[in-house]
Protein backbone atom coordinates (compact mmCIF):
# COMPACT_ATOMS: atom_id res chain seq x y z
CA MET A 1 10.27 19.52 -17.96
CA GLY A 2 11.87 23.10 -17.79
CA GLU A 3 14.50 23.89 -15.09
CA ASP A 4 12.06 26.35 -13.31
CA ASN A 5 9.48 23.54 -12.99
CA VAL A 6 12.14 21.17 -11.66
CA VAL A 7 13.32 23.72 -9.04
CA LYS A 8 9.65 24.34 -8.12
CA ALA A 9 9.05 20.62 -7.62
CA MET A 10 12.29 20.27 -5.41
CA PHE A 11 11.14 23.39 -3.53
CA LEU A 12 7.67 22.00 -2.92
CA LEU A 13 8.96 18.70 -1.71
CA ARG A 14 11.34 20.41 0.73
CA LEU A 15 8.50 22.70 1.84
CA LEU A 16 6.34 19.68 2.45
CA LEU A 17 8.99 18.16 4.66
CA ALA A 18 9.29 21.39 6.57
CA VAL A 19 5.61 21.42 7.12
CA ILE A 20 5.60 17.77 8.32
CA SER A 21 8.44 18.46 10.68
CA LEU A 22 6.68 21.59 12.15
CA ILE A 23 3.50 19.53 12.64
CA ALA A 24 5.43 16.86 14.27
CA ALA A 25 7.11 19.27 16.63
CA LEU A 26 3.78 20.74 17.65
CA LEU A 27 2.34 17.32 18.12
CA MET A 28 5.15 16.37 20.42
CA PHE A 29 4.51 19.43 22.48
CA LYS A 30 0.82 18.78 22.62
CA TYR A 31 1.10 15.12 23.83
CA LYS A 32 4.20 15.72 26.08
CA THR A 33 5.06 12.13 26.61
CA ILE A 34 8.33 10.48 25.46
CA THR A 35 6.46 7.54 23.98
CA ASP A 36 4.36 9.77 21.76
CA ALA A 37 7.29 11.89 20.81
CA LEU A 38 9.25 8.88 19.79
CA ARG A 39 6.38 7.60 17.64
CA ILE A 40 6.04 11.00 15.94
CA ASN A 41 9.78 11.20 15.44
CA ALA A 42 9.70 7.78 13.91
CA PHE A 43 7.10 8.78 11.33
CA VAL A 44 9.26 11.80 10.41
CA GLY A 45 12.39 9.55 10.30
CA LEU A 46 10.58 7.41 7.66
CA VAL A 47 9.24 10.25 5.54
CA ALA A 48 12.40 12.48 5.58
CA PRO A 49 14.63 10.10 3.55
CA LEU A 50 11.82 9.30 1.08
CA ILE A 51 11.52 13.10 0.38
CA PHE A 52 15.40 13.48 0.24
CA ILE A 53 15.51 10.69 -2.33
CA SER A 54 12.72 12.14 -4.29
CA ILE A 55 14.43 15.64 -4.45
CA SER A 56 17.64 14.04 -5.34
CA ALA A 57 16.16 11.90 -8.02
CA ILE A 58 14.43 14.81 -9.67
CA GLY A 59 17.60 16.98 -9.55
CA ILE A 60 19.77 14.07 -10.94
CA ALA A 61 17.13 13.18 -13.58
CA ASN A 62 17.22 16.90 -14.81
CA MET A 63 21.05 17.05 -14.69
CA ALA A 64 21.44 13.82 -16.77
CA GLY A 65 21.58 15.57 -20.17
CA LYS A 66 23.59 18.49 -18.97
CA VAL A 67 26.59 16.98 -17.21
CA SER A 68 29.09 14.28 -18.12
CA PHE A 69 28.39 10.66 -17.26
CA THR A 70 31.26 10.72 -14.81
CA LYS A 71 29.91 13.68 -12.91
CA LEU A 72 26.46 12.21 -12.86
CA ILE A 73 27.81 8.97 -11.40
CA ILE A 74 29.85 10.87 -8.73
CA THR A 75 26.68 12.81 -7.83
CA ILE A 76 24.63 9.52 -7.36
CA ILE A 77 27.50 8.06 -5.26
CA GLY A 78 27.45 11.17 -3.03
CA VAL A 79 23.64 10.78 -2.51
CA LEU A 80 24.10 7.20 -1.74
CA LEU A 81 27.02 7.98 0.79
CA VAL A 82 24.76 10.49 2.56
CA LEU A 83 22.15 7.81 3.00
CA TYR A 84 24.75 5.24 4.09
CA GLY A 85 26.36 7.79 6.52
CA THR A 86 23.01 8.40 8.21
CA THR A 87 22.14 4.81 8.94
CA LYS A 88 22.84 3.12 12.18
């Protein structure tokens, strides 16, 4: 897969998350209850990490042949630390 296609895939996933977040915000405004807002936010909270992991995986897979193994491992550890740091 060419680098342009990889960046395009990463862009489209990030754009998808932005659209999901915007729709979630509009739904929260429409329903105007804390319970509904929490449910909507929970859905976004489930989807966002999956998209983050997907974008990271696409980028890391494309970098695999271009950077040293050590730098690749450091990048993977960085992604894992972000995920760990955002858990409760």
